Protein backbone atom coordinates (compact mmCIF):
# COMPACT_ATOMS: atom_id res chain seq x y z
CA MET A 1 -1.77 133.33 68.96
CA PHE A 2 -1.03 129.47 68.84
CA ASP A 3 -4.54 127.52 69.88
CA PRO A 4 -3.26 123.96 70.94
CA ASN A 5 -7.48 122.88 70.08
CA THR A 6 -6.69 123.67 66.27
CA PRO A 7 -5.79 121.02 64.27
CA PRO A 8 -3.05 120.80 61.60
CA PRO A 9 -3.59 121.82 58.45
CA GLN A 10 -3.88 119.09 56.43
CA THR A 11 -1.25 118.55 53.58
CA SER A 12 -2.44 116.41 49.93
CA GLN A 13 0.14 113.15 48.85
CA PRO A 14 -0.20 111.41 46.13
CA PRO A 15 -2.13 107.75 46.30
CA LEU A 16 0.39 104.50 46.78
CA GLN A 17 0.05 102.73 43.74
CA THR A 18 -0.04 99.30 43.85
CA ALA A 19 1.95 96.90 41.73
CA PRO A 20 0.51 94.01 39.42
CA PRO A 21 0.69 90.79 40.92
CA LYS A 22 3.86 88.77 38.88
CA PRO A 23 3.50 85.89 36.96
CA ARG A 24 3.92 82.49 38.83
CA ARG A 25 6.74 80.15 36.45
CA LYS A 26 5.65 76.40 36.87
CA PRO A 27 8.23 74.23 38.61
CA LEU A 28 11.66 73.06 36.37
CA ARG A 29 10.73 69.04 36.85
CA TRP A 30 7.17 69.87 35.26
CA ARG A 31 8.22 71.21 32.66
CA LEU A 32 10.77 68.33 31.69
CA PHE A 33 7.63 66.12 32.18
CA ALA A 34 5.45 68.01 29.69
CA ASP A 35 8.30 67.98 27.58
CA VAL A 36 9.06 64.08 27.89
CA ILE A 37 5.51 62.98 27.29
CA ALA A 38 5.13 65.56 24.37
CA PHE A 39 8.53 63.53 22.80
CA ALA A 40 7.18 60.09 23.74
CA THR A 41 3.42 60.39 21.97
CA ALA A 42 5.40 62.14 18.59
CA ILE A 43 7.74 58.63 18.78
CA LEU A 44 4.09 56.66 19.12
CA SER A 45 2.47 58.35 16.28
CA LEU A 46 5.60 57.79 13.82
CA THR A 47 6.01 54.20 15.52
CA LEU A 48 2.21 53.79 14.59
CA ALA A 49 2.17 55.31 11.18
CA ILE A 50 5.99 53.30 10.11
CA PHE A 51 3.62 49.78 11.59
CA ALA A 52 0.78 50.32 9.73
CA GLY A 53 2.00 51.24 6.38
CA THR A 54 4.18 48.12 7.09
CA SER A 55 1.17 46.01 8.32
CA ARG A 56 -0.32 46.74 4.51
CA ASP A 57 3.12 45.93 2.52
CA GLU A 58 2.47 42.48 4.12
CA ALA A 59 -1.20 42.46 3.99
CA ARG A 60 -0.70 42.49 0.02
CA ASP A 61 1.84 40.48 -0.42
CA GLU A 62 -0.33 37.63 1.70
CA ALA A 63 -3.06 38.46 -0.71
CA ALA A 64 -0.43 38.25 -4.10
CA SER A 65 0.84 34.29 -2.16
CA LEU A 66 -2.80 33.38 -1.93
CA ALA A 67 -3.84 34.52 -5.19
CA ASP A 68 -0.73 32.34 -6.37
CA GLN A 69 -1.66 28.92 -4.36
CA ILE A 70 -5.89 29.62 -5.61
CA ALA A 71 -4.06 29.29 -9.15
CA ALA A 72 -2.15 26.49 -8.72
CA LEU A 73 -4.92 24.74 -7.37
CA ASP A 74 -6.89 25.38 -10.25
CA SER A 75 -4.97 24.23 -12.57
CA GLU A 76 -4.33 20.78 -10.10
CA ILE A 77 -7.36 20.15 -10.00
CA ALA A 78 -7.97 21.12 -13.87
CA SER A 79 -5.45 18.10 -14.66
CA LEU A 80 -7.14 15.51 -11.97
CA SER A 81 -10.24 16.26 -13.67
CA ASP A 82 -8.65 15.44 -17.19
CA GLU A 83 -6.74 12.45 -15.42
CA ARG A 84 -10.03 11.21 -14.29
CA ASP A 85 -11.97 11.33 -17.81
CA ARG A 86 -8.94 9.32 -19.43
CA LEU A 87 -9.29 6.91 -16.55
CA GLN A 88 -13.37 6.31 -17.10
CA ASP A 89 -12.43 6.58 -20.71
CA ASP A 90 -9.94 3.47 -20.76
CA LEU A 91 -12.07 1.36 -18.18
CA ALA A 92 -15.50 1.93 -20.62
CA ALA A 93 -12.88 0.63 -22.73
CA THR A 94 -11.95 -2.88 -21.13
CA PRO A 95 -13.68 -5.78 -21.87
CA THR A 96 -15.66 -7.13 -18.53
CA THR A 97 -15.81 -10.54 -17.82
CA ASP A 98 -18.81 -13.05 -16.74
CA SER A 99 -18.11 -13.23 -12.67
CA THR A 100 -20.52 -16.02 -12.33
CA THR A 101 -19.64 -19.31 -10.51
CA ASP A 102 -20.41 -22.70 -10.36
CA ALA A 103 -20.02 -24.46 -7.54
CA GLY A 104 -17.02 -27.17 -7.25
CA THR A 105 -17.53 -30.82 -6.36
CA ASP A 106 -16.92 -32.52 -3.09
CA GLY A 107 -17.37 -28.99 -1.92
CA GLY A 108 -14.23 -27.48 -3.10
CA PRO A 109 -13.47 -23.81 -4.47
CA ALA A 110 -16.25 -22.63 -7.19
CA VAL A 111 -15.60 -22.96 -10.77
CA GLY A 112 -14.05 -19.89 -12.86
CA SER A 113 -13.02 -18.38 -9.70
CA GLU A 114 -9.55 -17.80 -11.20
CA GLY A 115 -8.54 -15.48 -13.83
CA GLU A 116 -7.33 -16.90 -17.25
CA GLY A 117 -3.87 -17.65 -16.88
CA ALA A 118 -3.47 -17.43 -13.55
CA TYR A 119 -1.25 -19.63 -11.48
CA VAL A 120 -3.11 -22.92 -9.64
CA ALA A 121 -3.22 -22.32 -6.00
CA LEU A 122 -3.19 -25.35 -3.98
CA ASP A 123 -6.15 -24.18 -1.74
CA GLU A 124 -7.94 -24.77 -5.39
CA ALA A 125 -8.04 -28.47 -4.82
CA VAL A 126 -10.88 -30.07 -4.31
CA SER A 127 -9.47 -33.42 -3.09
CA GLU A 128 -6.37 -34.38 -1.82
CA GLU A 129 -4.26 -38.08 -1.26
CA TYR A 130 -1.34 -37.14 0.91
CA CYS A 131 2.17 -38.45 -0.25
CA GLU A 132 3.12 -41.64 1.82
CA ASN A 133 3.91 -41.22 5.43
CA TYR A 134 0.88 -39.10 5.68
CA GLN A 135 3.25 -36.42 4.51
CA SER A 136 0.29 -33.67 3.16
CA TRP A 137 0.54 -31.24 0.36
CA VAL A 138 2.40 -27.67 0.41
CA PRO A 139 2.90 -24.70 -1.81
CA SER A 140 6.98 -24.05 -2.22
CA THR A 141 9.09 -22.97 -5.17
CA LEU A 142 10.86 -26.09 -6.64
CA GLN A 143 14.47 -26.47 -7.63
CA ILE A 144 14.44 -29.13 -10.59
CA ASP A 145 17.90 -29.53 -12.35
CA GLY A 146 19.57 -26.45 -11.28
CA GLU A 147 16.35 -24.20 -12.42
CA GLU A 148 13.73 -22.50 -9.77
CA TYR A 149 9.86 -22.58 -10.16
CA PHE A 150 8.02 -20.19 -7.80
CA GLU A 151 4.80 -21.21 -8.16
CA GLY A 152 4.57 -25.15 -7.32
CA PHE A 153 3.13 -27.60 -4.64
CA GLN A 154 4.99 -30.75 -3.38
CA CYS A 155 4.93 -33.00 -0.99
CA ASP A 156 7.57 -35.56 0.36
CA MET A 157 7.46 -39.39 -0.96
CA GLU A 158 8.72 -42.23 0.29
CA ARG A 159 9.66 -45.80 -0.51
CA GLY A 160 8.53 -47.52 2.30
CA GLY A 161 4.59 -47.14 3.45
CA ASN A 162 0.96 -48.18 3.07
CA SER A 163 0.07 -48.50 -0.16
CA THR A 164 2.08 -50.40 -3.22
CA PRO A 165 3.51 -48.48 -5.20
CA PRO A 166 3.53 -45.71 -3.45
CA MET A 167 1.25 -42.99 -4.19
CA ALA A 168 -0.71 -39.19 -3.73
CA TYR A 169 -2.63 -36.66 -5.92
CA LEU A 170 -4.53 -33.41 -5.69
CA ASP A 171 -7.79 -33.10 -7.78
CA PHE A 172 -9.10 -29.41 -9.18
CA VAL A 173 -12.11 -28.31 -10.71
CA VAL A 174 -11.61 -27.27 -14.01
CA PRO A 175 -12.88 -23.41 -14.87
CA ASN A 176 -15.55 -22.59 -17.35
CA ASP A 177 -13.75 -20.87 -19.47
CA ALA A 178 -10.34 -22.88 -19.68
CA VAL A 179 -9.55 -25.08 -22.51
CA ARG A 180 -5.90 -26.07 -21.94
CA LEU A 181 -3.81 -26.73 -19.19
CA THR A 182 -0.51 -26.12 -18.85
CA GLY A 183 2.34 -26.97 -16.36
CA LEU A 184 5.67 -28.27 -15.11
CA ALA A 185 6.41 -31.36 -13.26
CA GLY A 186 9.30 -33.13 -11.26
CA ILE A 187 12.01 -33.79 -8.64
CA ASP A 188 13.43 -31.34 -6.51
CA ASP A 189 17.29 -31.52 -6.25
CA ARG A 190 17.20 -31.06 -2.24
CA SER A 191 15.90 -34.44 -2.06
CA THR A 192 17.22 -37.19 0.54
CA ASP A 193 16.17 -40.19 -1.73
CA ASP A 194 18.36 -39.34 -4.87
CA THR A 195 17.85 -42.52 -6.32
CA MET A 196 13.97 -42.18 -6.90
CA VAL A 197 12.11 -42.73 -10.18
CA VAL A 198 8.97 -40.96 -10.02
CA LYS A 199 5.96 -41.49 -12.81
CA PHE A 200 3.79 -38.40 -13.64
CA SER A 201 0.12 -38.61 -14.37
CA VAL A 202 -2.12 -35.32 -15.54
CA LEU A 203 -5.59 -38.10 -15.47
CA THR A 204 -9.40 -36.88 -16.12
CA VAL A 205 -11.78 -37.49 -12.84
CA PRO A 206 -13.88 -39.85 -13.22
CA GLU A 207 -10.54 -41.27 -14.54
CA SER A 208 -10.38 -42.11 -18.75
CA GLU A 209 -8.82 -44.79 -20.49
CA GLU A 210 -5.79 -42.43 -21.47
CA PRO A 211 -4.22 -40.54 -19.49
CA LEU A 212 -4.50 -36.32 -20.31
CA PHE A 213 -0.16 -36.60 -19.56
CA THR A 214 2.03 -38.57 -18.20
CA ALA A 215 6.35 -39.09 -17.97
CA THR A 216 8.39 -40.93 -15.64
CA LEU A 217 11.32 -38.89 -14.17
CA ALA A 218 14.53 -39.91 -12.36
CA TYR A 219 16.17 -37.14 -9.70
CA GLY A 220 18.21 -35.20 -11.30
CA ASP A 221 16.31 -35.05 -14.55
CA GLY A 222 14.54 -31.60 -15.82
CA ALA A 223 11.31 -30.70 -15.28
CA GLU A 224 9.10 -32.13 -17.88
CA ALA A 225 6.23 -29.23 -19.36
CA PHE A 226 2.91 -30.58 -20.64
CA ASP A 227 0.39 -28.59 -22.48
CA ILE A 228 -3.27 -30.03 -22.61
CA PRO A 229 -6.38 -29.72 -24.55
CA LEU A 230 -8.97 -29.75 -21.88
CA GLY A 231 -12.23 -30.09 -24.15
CA GLU A 232 -15.26 -31.39 -21.92
CA THR A 233 -12.92 -32.55 -18.94
CA GLY A 234 -14.78 -31.17 -16.14
CA ARG A 235 -11.87 -32.09 -13.13
CA VAL A 236 -8.51 -33.05 -13.88
CA ARG A 237 -5.88 -34.95 -11.18
CA PHE A 238 -2.33 -34.70 -10.92
CA GLN A 239 -0.74 -38.33 -9.57
CA VAL A 240 2.57 -39.11 -8.42
CA GLU A 241 3.57 -42.77 -8.01
CA VAL A 242 6.86 -44.13 -6.51
CA ALA A 243 8.66 -45.90 -9.99
CA SER A 244 11.58 -47.06 -8.39
CA SER A 245 13.96 -46.49 -5.21
CA ASP A 246 17.60 -47.48 -4.30
CA HIS A 247 18.03 -45.75 -1.28
CA PRO A 248 18.89 -47.77 1.89
CA ASP A 249 16.62 -46.44 3.87
CA PRO A 250 12.92 -46.94 2.83
CA HIS A 251 11.99 -43.77 4.89
CA GLU A 252 14.30 -41.46 3.10
CA PRO A 253 12.07 -39.03 1.04
CA ALA A 254 12.16 -37.48 -2.53
CA ILE A 255 10.53 -33.80 -2.94
CA ILE A 256 7.75 -34.67 -5.61
CA GLY A 257 6.19 -31.43 -7.29
CA TRP A 258 4.19 -29.99 -10.03
CA ALA A 259 5.11 -25.93 -10.98
CA ASP A 260 3.45 -23.01 -12.93
CA VAL A 261 0.20 -24.84 -13.54
CA ARG A 262 -2.62 -22.39 -14.87
CA PHE A 263 -5.68 -23.39 -16.99
CA GLU A 264 -5.35 -21.44 -19.77
């Protein structure tokens, strides 16, 4: 008979089996990002490798260029050294001159200040007498009978004036080693008085009985050259004196000059 208090019979069932969890897949965008990063890293590594190789090549080229420049400088230094030695040898073989000087008279420049053969400069004059009407001597280029002389000094000489006859002069001290005095005398072609005749003289100071040089020249005459042995002469005077003039205006000048004067 069925007893309601009797529990129902137990039936055996197999245990439930739980499936293993499936792995989560990364989102697609993260995988793409990772691929891009990897690709960029590879490109950067390749670029750095290429750049490193290029830098090494450039460094080698620059080192080679510097080596060539150093070699060229060494060659130039050697050449300059040879040139220096040659110039020193030439200097040692050049004779030297005595630079000792004596003071000129009347406060003038020192005797021997000019080298042998140099043209005499106007500022070496130790005494001066102006031409008529207070016309001073000036350095100039002279033009005498169509010829130009670039180393000269002149003054404008007028017939009318205070002295009779009109005259002027310049004094120079003779350098210690000078044995000759050379130069030219004449009347410049650009003179306004084209009738004047002038007496040119080179005298000793103090004046001796005979002049060292004398010439009487008219406008249009060629330059008169002189070559004077000096002997014991210590000072010379270049003197000009009006011999005659037929110009109607006594104050129209003739340009009187000495050119290419030098002590030798």
